[in-house]
Amino acid sequence: MTGTRLEGQTILITGAGQGIGRGIALALAKEGAQVALAGRTKSKCDVVAEEIAALGGTALSLACEVGDRAAVDRTVTDTVERFGGLTGLVNNAASSVQKPLADTTDDDVDLCWRSGAMGTLYGMQAALPHLKAAGGGSIVNFGSSTAVNGNATFGAYAMAKEAIRGASRVAAREWGRYGIRVNVIVPVSLSPATVDFSENHPERFAAVQNALALRRVGDPETDIGGAVVALMTSDLGYLTGDTLMLTGGL
């Protein structure tokens, strides 16, 4: 482990088996947090838990379909039973559909809505009593630059992601009295899909990077995970109800 800034904290991360979720989990664990790794494919979370254990950290791997309220409730309960409480929540899991808005179906919207907006709501609601019992805590939810910018073909996904930002602002207002902070991160970061794109279309990927002010796509652990660490500490203890645009100047 490299630090102790989060020693004594227990943080649950959804979508923790790959990409941004994995990077966040590693960043939190390296600062001493006990982490619960939730994902639809538990085997992927198992691998990340093994990585964390090899670093000297503590991780619990859990299977969870975030669009199922009962599954989310069980995941939070299992986390609290294993670690004795909960001080932070990262709602990272979400599914996306790319399709012209005119062709978007109810099923497309439902997939994005349940995995994104509803999954985030379920997580926040399940975590609330435990964060209150801990005397406060931090919730980090995820928006998307495709929604902020209105990127073509992301209609269903944009609907869900902007709903998450709205619900996060409401939660911040309602739960601030309990010492609970709620913020949103909008990332531009390497994901499995982005890595595949960079390998299969290097020239197009280079153009994407050149469109960013910093000329690089963010690293899941150091860029996004590092920001989540700050949001879980007193470093950003006065920030709530806001959106961090971690987009490299997009």
C-alpha atoms as a PDB file:
ATOM      1  CA  MET A   1       0.000   0.000   0.000  1.00  0.00           C
ATOM      2  CA  THR A   2       1.163   3.527  -0.685  1.00  0.00           C
ATOM      3  CA  GLY A   3      -0.860   5.664   1.704  1.00  0.00           C
ATOM      4  CA  THR A   4      -3.167   5.814   4.712  1.00  0.00           C
ATOM      5  CA  ARG A   5      -5.493   8.690   3.824  1.00  0.00           C
ATOM      6  CA  LEU A   6      -8.507   6.358   3.742  1.00  0.00           C
ATOM      7  CA  GLU A   7      -7.540   4.026   6.564  1.00  0.00           C
ATOM      8  CA  GLY A   8     -10.637   2.964   8.487  1.00  0.00           C
ATOM      9  CA  GLN A   9     -12.990   3.662   5.593  1.00  0.00           C
ATOM     10  CA  THR A  10     -15.171   1.103   3.831  1.00  0.00           C
ATOM     11  CA  ILE A  11     -16.177   1.972   0.283  1.00  0.00           C
ATOM     12  CA  LEU A  12     -18.419   0.093  -2.139  1.00  0.00           C
ATOM     13  CA  ILE A  13     -17.736   0.433  -5.868  1.00  0.00           C
ATOM     14  CA  THR A  14     -20.135  -0.850  -8.532  1.00  0.00           C
ATOM     15  CA  GLY A  15     -18.888  -1.874 -11.947  1.00  0.00           C
ATOM     16  CA  ALA A  16     -15.574  -2.598 -10.226  1.00  0.00           C
ATOM     17  CA  GLY A  17     -14.397  -5.469 -12.405  1.00  0.00           C
ATOM     18  CA  GLN A  18     -12.840  -3.439 -15.210  1.00  0.00           C
ATOM     19  CA  GLY A  19     -12.047   0.000 -16.621  1.00  0.00           C
ATOM     20  CA  ILE A  20     -12.852   3.009 -14.485  1.00  0.00           C
ATOM     21  CA  GLY A  21     -14.313   0.906 -11.678  1.00  0.00           C
ATOM     22  CA  ARG A  22     -11.155  -1.173 -11.385  1.00  0.00           C
ATOM     23  CA  GLY A  23      -8.980   1.942 -11.427  1.00  0.00           C
ATOM     24  CA  ILE A  24     -11.034   3.561  -8.678  1.00  0.00           C
ATOM     25  CA  ALA A  25     -10.919   0.409  -6.560  1.00  0.00           C
ATOM     26  CA  LEU A  26      -7.120   0.237  -6.823  1.00  0.00           C
ATOM     27  CA  ALA A  27      -6.718   3.926  -5.997  1.00  0.00           C
ATOM     28  CA  LEU A  28      -8.936   3.666  -2.924  1.00  0.00           C
ATOM     29  CA  ALA A  29      -7.328   0.453  -1.693  1.00  0.00           C
ATOM     30  CA  LYS A  30      -3.830   1.884  -2.093  1.00  0.00           C
ATOM     31  CA  GLU A  31      -4.841   4.658   0.307  1.00  0.00           C
ATOM     32  CA  GLY A  32      -5.934   2.149   2.942  1.00  0.00           C
ATOM     33  CA  ALA A  33      -9.679   1.805   2.318  1.00  0.00           C
ATOM     34  CA  GLN A  34     -11.438  -1.519   2.659  1.00  0.00           C
ATOM     35  CA  VAL A  35     -13.252  -1.927  -0.641  1.00  0.00           C
ATOM     36  CA  ALA A  36     -16.270  -3.937  -1.728  1.00  0.00           C
ATOM     37  CA  LEU A  37     -16.158  -4.689  -5.453  1.00  0.00           C
ATOM     38  CA  ALA A  38     -19.560  -5.222  -7.027  1.00  0.00           C
ATOM     39  CA  GLY A  39     -20.139  -6.268 -10.606  1.00  0.00           C
ATOM     40  CA  ARG A  40     -22.451  -8.182 -12.884  1.00  0.00           C
ATOM     41  CA  THR A  41     -19.605 -10.606 -13.675  1.00  0.00           C
ATOM     42  CA  LYS A  42     -18.183 -11.617 -10.306  1.00  0.00           C
ATOM     43  CA  SER A  43     -15.157 -13.346 -11.824  1.00  0.00           C
ATOM     44  CA  LYS A  44     -13.873  -9.975 -13.018  1.00  0.00           C
ATOM     45  CA  CYS A  45     -14.250  -8.539  -9.522  1.00  0.00           C
ATOM     46  CA  ASP A  46     -12.447 -11.596  -8.135  1.00  0.00           C
ATOM     47  CA  VAL A  47      -9.416 -10.728 -10.264  1.00  0.00           C
ATOM     48  CA  VAL A  48      -9.375  -7.130  -9.012  1.00  0.00           C
ATOM     49  CA  ALA A  49      -9.759  -8.356  -5.422  1.00  0.00           C
ATOM     50  CA  GLU A  50      -6.705 -10.569  -5.946  1.00  0.00           C
ATOM     51  CA  GLU A  51      -4.759  -7.584  -7.294  1.00  0.00           C
ATOM     52  CA  ILE A  52      -5.644  -5.598  -4.193  1.00  0.00           C
ATOM     53  CA  ALA A  53      -4.761  -8.467  -1.870  1.00  0.00           C
ATOM     54  CA  ALA A  54      -1.361  -8.752  -3.577  1.00  0.00           C
ATOM     55  CA  LEU A  55      -0.801  -5.087  -2.726  1.00  0.00           C
ATOM     56  CA  GLY A  56      -1.595  -5.745   0.916  1.00  0.00           C
ATOM     57  CA  GLY A  57      -5.113  -4.343   0.758  1.00  0.00           C
ATOM     58  CA  THR A  58      -8.513  -5.710   1.740  1.00  0.00           C
ATOM     59  CA  ALA A  59     -11.254  -6.333  -0.809  1.00  0.00           C
ATOM     60  CA  LEU A  60     -14.560  -8.182  -0.977  1.00  0.00           C
ATOM     61  CA  SER A  61     -15.889  -9.379  -4.337  1.00  0.00           C
ATOM     62  CA  LEU A  62     -19.662  -9.450  -4.853  1.00  0.00           C
ATOM     63  CA  ALA A  63     -21.994 -10.272  -7.726  1.00  0.00           C
ATOM     64  CA  CYS A  64     -24.573  -7.538  -8.275  1.00  0.00           C
ATOM     65  CA  GLU A  65     -27.015  -6.561 -11.001  1.00  0.00           C
ATOM     66  CA  VAL A  66     -27.466  -2.886 -10.172  1.00  0.00           C
ATOM     67  CA  GLY A  67     -30.810  -2.642 -11.974  1.00  0.00           C
ATOM     68  CA  ASP A  68     -32.301  -5.011  -9.386  1.00  0.00           C
ATOM     69  CA  ARG A  69     -33.159  -3.256  -6.129  1.00  0.00           C
ATOM     70  CA  ALA A  70     -33.044  -6.463  -4.082  1.00  0.00           C
ATOM     71  CA  ALA A  71     -29.593  -7.305  -5.465  1.00  0.00           C
ATOM     72  CA  VAL A  72     -28.271  -3.854  -4.555  1.00  0.00           C
ATOM     73  CA  ASP A  73     -29.758  -4.112  -1.066  1.00  0.00           C
ATOM     74  CA  ARG A  74     -28.047  -7.490  -0.588  1.00  0.00           C
ATOM     75  CA  THR A  75     -24.732  -6.096  -1.815  1.00  0.00           C
ATOM     76  CA  VAL A  76     -24.815  -3.229   0.674  1.00  0.00           C
ATOM     77  CA  THR A  77     -25.873  -5.583   3.477  1.00  0.00           C
ATOM     78  CA  ASP A  78     -23.078  -8.035   2.651  1.00  0.00           C
ATOM     79  CA  THR A  79     -20.556  -5.183   2.634  1.00  0.00           C
ATOM     80  CA  VAL A  80     -21.679  -3.899   6.035  1.00  0.00           C
ATOM     81  CA  GLU A  81     -21.726  -7.390   7.528  1.00  0.00           C
ATOM     82  CA  ARG A  82     -18.200  -8.086   6.277  1.00  0.00           C
ATOM     83  CA  PHE A  83     -16.601  -4.779   7.256  1.00  0.00           C
ATOM     84  CA  GLY A  84     -18.841  -3.488  10.040  1.00  0.00           C
ATOM     85  CA  GLY A  85     -20.095  -0.378   8.289  1.00  0.00           C
ATOM     86  CA  LEU A  86     -20.005   1.790   5.194  1.00  0.00           C
ATOM     87  CA  THR A  87     -18.461   5.235   4.723  1.00  0.00           C
ATOM     88  CA  GLY A  88     -18.468   5.685   0.948  1.00  0.00           C
ATOM     89  CA  LEU A  89     -20.227   4.629  -2.239  1.00  0.00           C
ATOM     90  CA  VAL A  90     -19.143   4.871  -5.880  1.00  0.00           C
ATOM     91  CA  ASN A  91     -21.960   4.261  -8.367  1.00  0.00           C
ATOM     92  CA  ASN A  92     -19.961   3.532 -11.509  1.00  0.00           C
ATOM     93  CA  ALA A  93     -21.880   0.705 -13.219  1.00  0.00           C
ATOM     94  CA  ALA A  94     -23.974   1.522 -16.296  1.00  0.00           C
ATOM     95  CA  SER A  95     -24.903   0.084 -19.681  1.00  0.00           C
ATOM     96  CA  SER A  96     -24.922   2.064 -22.915  1.00  0.00           C
ATOM     97  CA  VAL A  97     -26.747   1.873 -26.231  1.00  0.00           C
ATOM     98  CA  GLN A  98     -25.653   3.740 -29.355  1.00  0.00           C
ATOM     99  CA  LYS A  99     -28.428   4.376 -31.818  1.00  0.00           C
ATOM    100  CA  PRO A 100     -29.960   7.389 -33.591  1.00  0.00           C
ATOM    101  CA  LEU A 101     -32.603   9.019 -31.418  1.00  0.00           C
ATOM    102  CA  ALA A 102     -35.301   8.433 -34.033  1.00  0.00           C
ATOM    103  CA  ASP A 103     -34.631   4.688 -33.822  1.00  0.00           C
ATOM    104  CA  THR A 104     -34.312   4.454 -30.030  1.00  0.00           C
ATOM    105  CA  THR A 105     -36.704   1.911 -28.541  1.00  0.00           C
ATOM    106  CA  ASP A 106     -38.309   1.522 -25.138  1.00  0.00           C
ATOM    107  CA  ASP A 107     -35.956  -1.401 -24.487  1.00  0.00           C
ATOM    108  CA  ASP A 108     -32.921   0.810 -25.232  1.00  0.00           C
ATOM    109  CA  VAL A 109     -34.111   3.432 -22.782  1.00  0.00           C
ATOM    110  CA  ASP A 110     -35.021   0.825 -20.171  1.00  0.00           C
ATOM    111  CA  LEU A 111     -31.559  -0.788 -20.326  1.00  0.00           C
ATOM    112  CA  CYS A 112     -29.751   2.518 -19.780  1.00  0.00           C
ATOM    113  CA  TRP A 113     -32.305   3.756 -17.287  1.00  0.00           C
ATOM    114  CA  ARG A 114     -32.286   0.668 -15.050  1.00  0.00           C
ATOM    115  CA  SER A 115     -28.522   0.137 -15.048  1.00  0.00           C
ATOM    116  CA  GLY A 116     -27.706   3.830 -14.769  1.00  0.00           C
ATOM    117  CA  ALA A 117     -30.339   6.030 -13.164  1.00  0.00           C
ATOM    118  CA  MET A 118     -32.198   3.382 -11.173  1.00  0.00           C
ATOM    119  CA  GLY A 119     -29.033   1.524 -10.191  1.00  0.00           C
ATOM    120  CA  THR A 120     -27.597   4.765  -8.825  1.00  0.00           C
ATOM    121  CA  LEU A 121     -30.830   5.504  -6.949  1.00  0.00           C
ATOM    122  CA  TYR A 122     -30.928   2.005  -5.460  1.00  0.00           C
ATOM    123  CA  GLY A 123     -27.324   2.302  -4.335  1.00  0.00           C
ATOM    124  CA  MET A 124     -27.835   5.678  -2.691  1.00  0.00           C
ATOM    125  CA  GLN A 125     -31.000   4.570  -0.914  1.00  0.00           C
ATOM    126  CA  ALA A 126     -29.439   1.348   0.363  1.00  0.00           C
ATOM    127  CA  ALA A 127     -26.317   3.143   1.564  1.00  0.00           C
ATOM    128  CA  LEU A 128     -28.113   6.040   3.274  1.00  0.00           C
ATOM    129  CA  PRO A 129     -28.849   4.490   6.702  1.00  0.00           C
ATOM    130  CA  HIS A 130     -25.298   3.160   6.975  1.00  0.00           C
ATOM    131  CA  LEU A 131     -23.726   6.473   6.005  1.00  0.00           C
ATOM    132  CA  LYS A 132     -25.940   8.200   8.571  1.00  0.00           C
ATOM    133  CA  ALA A 133     -24.857   5.668  11.192  1.00  0.00           C
ATOM    134  CA  ALA A 134     -21.223   6.420  10.321  1.00  0.00           C
ATOM    135  CA  GLY A 135     -21.813  10.114  10.960  1.00  0.00           C
ATOM    136  CA  GLY A 136     -21.510  11.018   7.285  1.00  0.00           C
ATOM    137  CA  GLY A 137     -19.711   9.931   4.176  1.00  0.00           C
ATOM    138  CA  SER A 138     -19.238  10.519   0.480  1.00  0.00           C
ATOM    139  CA  ILE A 139     -21.184   9.307  -2.552  1.00  0.00           C
ATOM    140  CA  VAL A 140     -19.671   9.615  -6.019  1.00  0.00           C
ATOM    141  CA  ASN A 141     -21.937   9.107  -9.015  1.00  0.00           C
ATOM    142  CA  PHE A 142     -21.049   9.185 -12.701  1.00  0.00           C
ATOM    143  CA  GLY A 143     -22.323  11.334 -15.533  1.00  0.00           C
ATOM    144  CA  SER A 144     -21.087  11.348 -19.118  1.00  0.00           C
ATOM    145  CA  SER A 145     -19.629  13.894 -21.496  1.00  0.00           C
ATOM    146  CA  THR A 146     -21.823  12.347 -24.210  1.00  0.00           C
ATOM    147  CA  ALA A 147     -24.822  13.579 -22.234  1.00  0.00           C
ATOM    148  CA  VAL A 148     -23.393  16.983 -21.325  1.00  0.00           C
ATOM    149  CA  ASN A 149     -22.453  17.623 -24.962  1.00  0.00           C
ATOM    150  CA  GLY A 150     -25.428  15.878 -26.551  1.00  0.00           C
ATOM    151  CA  ASN A 151     -23.352  13.517 -28.675  1.00  0.00           C
ATOM    152  CA  ALA A 152     -25.225  11.899 -31.540  1.00  0.00           C
ATOM    153  CA  THR A 153     -26.427   8.294 -31.064  1.00  0.00           C
ATOM    154  CA  PHE A 154     -26.276   8.484 -27.257  1.00  0.00           C
ATOM    155  CA  GLY A 155     -29.894   9.492 -26.630  1.00  0.00           C
ATOM    156  CA  ALA A 156     -30.943   6.724 -24.232  1.00  0.00           C
ATOM    157  CA  TYR A 157     -27.632   6.856 -22.366  1.00  0.00           C
ATOM    158  CA  ALA A 158     -27.755  10.658 -22.138  1.00  0.00           C
ATOM    159  CA  MET A 159     -31.250  10.531 -20.631  1.00  0.00           C
ATOM    160  CA  ALA A 160     -30.066   8.214 -17.866  1.00  0.00           C
ATOM    161  CA  LYS A 161     -26.820  10.063 -17.191  1.00  0.00           C
ATOM    162  CA  GLU A 162     -28.430  13.493 -16.881  1.00  0.00           C
ATOM    163  CA  ALA A 163     -31.048  11.979 -14.561  1.00  0.00           C
ATOM    164  CA  ILE A 164     -28.191  10.817 -12.339  1.00  0.00           C
ATOM    165  CA  ARG A 165     -26.849  14.365 -12.131  1.00  0.00           C
ATOM    166  CA  GLY A 166     -30.285  15.690 -11.175  1.00  0.00           C
ATOM    167  CA  ALA A 167     -30.847  13.061  -8.484  1.00  0.00           C
ATOM    168  CA  SER A 168     -27.355  13.692  -7.119  1.00  0.00           C
ATOM    169  CA  ARG A 169     -28.075  17.387  -6.612  1.00  0.00           C
ATOM    170  CA  VAL A 170     -31.305  16.563  -4.785  1.00  0.00           C
ATOM    171  CA  ALA A 171     -29.565  14.003  -2.565  1.00  0.00           C
ATOM    172  CA  ALA A 172     -26.834  16.516  -1.737  1.00  0.00           C
ATOM    173  CA  ARG A 173     -29.467  19.032  -0.576  1.00  0.00           C
ATOM    174  CA  GLU A 174     -31.480  16.496   1.406  1.00  0.00           C
ATOM    175  CA  TRP A 175     -28.620  14.572   3.020  1.00  0.00           C
ATOM    176  CA  GLY A 176     -26.083  17.296   3.708  1.00  0.00           C
ATOM    177  CA  ARG A 177     -27.540  17.660   7.208  1.00  0.00           C
ATOM    178  CA  TYR A 178     -26.228  14.157   7.940  1.00  0.00           C
ATOM    179  CA  GLY A 179     -22.714  14.986   6.795  1.00  0.00           C
ATOM    180  CA  ILE A 180     -23.224  13.087   3.548  1.00  0.00           C
ATOM    181  CA  ARG A 181     -21.748  14.630   0.414  1.00  0.00           C
ATOM    182  CA  VAL A 182     -22.939  13.660  -3.077  1.00  0.00           C
ATOM    183  CA  ASN A 183     -21.019  14.603  -6.202  1.00  0.00           C
ATOM    184  CA  VAL A 184     -20.783  13.561  -9.842  1.00  0.00           C
ATOM    185  CA  ILE A 185     -17.751  12.879 -11.989  1.00  0.00           C
ATOM    186  CA  VAL A 186     -17.924  13.236 -15.774  1.00  0.00           C
ATOM    187  CA  PRO A 187     -14.847  11.372 -17.057  1.00  0.00           C
ATOM    188  CA  VAL A 188     -12.923  10.960 -20.261  1.00  0.00           C
ATOM    189  CA  SER A 189     -10.941   7.856 -19.443  1.00  0.00           C
ATOM    190  CA  LEU A 190      -9.526   4.667 -20.862  1.00  0.00           C
ATOM    191  CA  SER A 191     -12.036   1.821 -20.726  1.00  0.00           C
ATOM    192  CA  PRO A 192     -11.899  -1.653 -22.272  1.00  0.00           C
ATOM    193  CA  ALA A 193     -13.860  -0.311 -25.243  1.00  0.00           C
ATOM    194  CA  THR A 194     -11.515   2.670 -25.570  1.00  0.00           C
ATOM    195  CA  VAL A 195      -8.451   0.434 -25.456  1.00  0.00           C
ATOM    196  CA  ASP A 196      -9.936  -1.754 -28.199  1.00  0.00           C
ATOM    197  CA  PHE A 197     -10.683   1.360 -30.254  1.00  0.00           C
ATOM    198  CA  SER A 198      -7.135   2.643 -29.823  1.00  0.00           C
ATOM    199  CA  GLU A 199      -5.692  -0.665 -30.980  1.00  0.00           C
ATOM    200  CA  ASN A 200      -8.040  -1.163 -33.918  1.00  0.00           C
ATOM    201  CA  HIS A 201      -8.233   2.477 -35.054  1.00  0.00           C
ATOM    202  CA  PRO A 202      -4.988   4.166 -33.952  1.00  0.00           C
ATOM    203  CA  GLU A 203      -5.352   7.173 -36.278  1.00  0.00           C
ATOM    204  CA  ARG A 204      -8.906   7.905 -35.157  1.00  0.00           C
ATOM    205  CA  PHE A 205      -7.873   7.452 -31.518  1.00  0.00           C
ATOM    206  CA  ALA A 206      -5.015   9.907 -32.031  1.00  0.00           C
ATOM    207  CA  ALA A 207      -7.538  12.422 -33.371  1.00  0.00           C
ATOM    208  CA  VAL A 208      -9.669  11.937 -30.266  1.00  0.00           C
ATOM    209  CA  GLN A 209      -6.677  12.609 -28.018  1.00  0.00           C
ATOM    210  CA  ASN A 210      -5.682  15.671 -30.015  1.00  0.00           C
ATOM    211  CA  ALA A 211      -9.157  17.106 -29.428  1.00  0.00           C
ATOM    212  CA  LEU A 212      -8.404  17.169 -25.698  1.00  0.00           C
ATOM    213  CA  ALA A 213      -6.567  20.156 -24.237  1.00  0.00           C
ATOM    214  CA  LEU A 214      -4.197  17.842 -22.369  1.00  0.00           C
ATOM    215  CA  ARG A 215      -3.738  15.644 -25.458  1.00  0.00           C
ATOM    216  CA  ARG A 216      -4.350  12.388 -23.616  1.00  0.00           C
ATOM    217  CA  VAL A 217      -7.237  10.233 -22.451  1.00  0.00           C
ATOM    218  CA  GLY A 218      -7.416   9.965 -18.672  1.00  0.00           C
ATOM    219  CA  ASP A 219      -6.015   7.067 -16.689  1.00  0.00           C
ATOM    220  CA  PRO A 220      -8.695   5.171 -14.706  1.00  0.00           C
ATOM    221  CA  GLU A 221      -6.571   4.848 -11.579  1.00  0.00           C
ATOM    222  CA  THR A 222      -4.438   7.971 -11.342  1.00  0.00           C
ATOM    223  CA  ASP A 223      -6.753  10.526 -12.982  1.00  0.00           C
ATOM    224  CA  ILE A 224     -10.250   9.284 -12.112  1.00  0.00           C
ATOM    225  CA  GLY A 225      -9.386   7.181  -9.076  1.00  0.00           C
ATOM    226  CA  GLY A 226      -7.227   9.958  -7.677  1.00  0.00           C
ATOM    227  CA  ALA A 227     -10.174  12.355  -7.834  1.00  0.00           C
ATOM    228  CA  VAL A 228     -12.423   9.836  -6.090  1.00  0.00           C
ATOM    229  CA  VAL A 229      -9.829   9.516  -3.323  1.00  0.00           C
ATOM    230  CA  ALA A 230      -9.958  13.290  -2.860  1.00  0.00           C
ATOM    231  CA  LEU A 231     -13.764  13.210  -2.752  1.00  0.00           C
ATOM    232  CA  MET A 232     -13.616  10.551  -0.036  1.00  0.00           C
ATOM    233  CA  THR A 233     -11.312  12.665   2.149  1.00  0.00           C
ATOM    234  CA  SER A 234     -11.524  16.094   3.722  1.00  0.00           C
ATOM    235  CA  ASP A 235      -9.485  17.464   0.800  1.00  0.00           C
ATOM    236  CA  LEU A 236     -12.784  18.157  -0.973  1.00  0.00           C
ATOM    237  CA  GLY A 237     -14.896  18.075   2.153  1.00  0.00           C
ATOM    238  CA  TYR A 238     -16.792  21.256   1.299  1.00  0.00           C
ATOM    239  CA  LEU A 239     -17.830  20.095  -2.157  1.00  0.00           C
ATOM    240  CA  THR A 240     -21.293  18.633  -2.624  1.00  0.00           C
ATOM    241  CA  GLY A 241     -24.040  18.665  -5.236  1.00  0.00           C
ATOM    242  CA  ASP A 242     -21.502  19.453  -7.926  1.00  0.00           C
ATOM    243  CA  THR A 243     -20.003  17.924 -11.067  1.00  0.00           C
ATOM    244  CA  LEU A 244     -16.287  17.437 -11.625  1.00  0.00           C
ATOM    245  CA  MET A 245     -15.518  17.566 -15.344  1.00  0.00           C
ATOM    246  CA  LEU A 246     -12.517  15.229 -15.564  1.00  0.00           C
ATOM    247  CA  THR A 247     -12.362  15.409 -19.349  1.00  0.00           C
ATOM    248  CA  GLY A 248      -8.827  16.602 -20.040  1.00  0.00           C
ATOM    249  CA  GLY A 249     -10.197  19.862 -21.406  1.00  0.00           C
ATOM    250  CA  LEU A 250     -12.729  18.370 -23.819  1.00  0.00           C
END
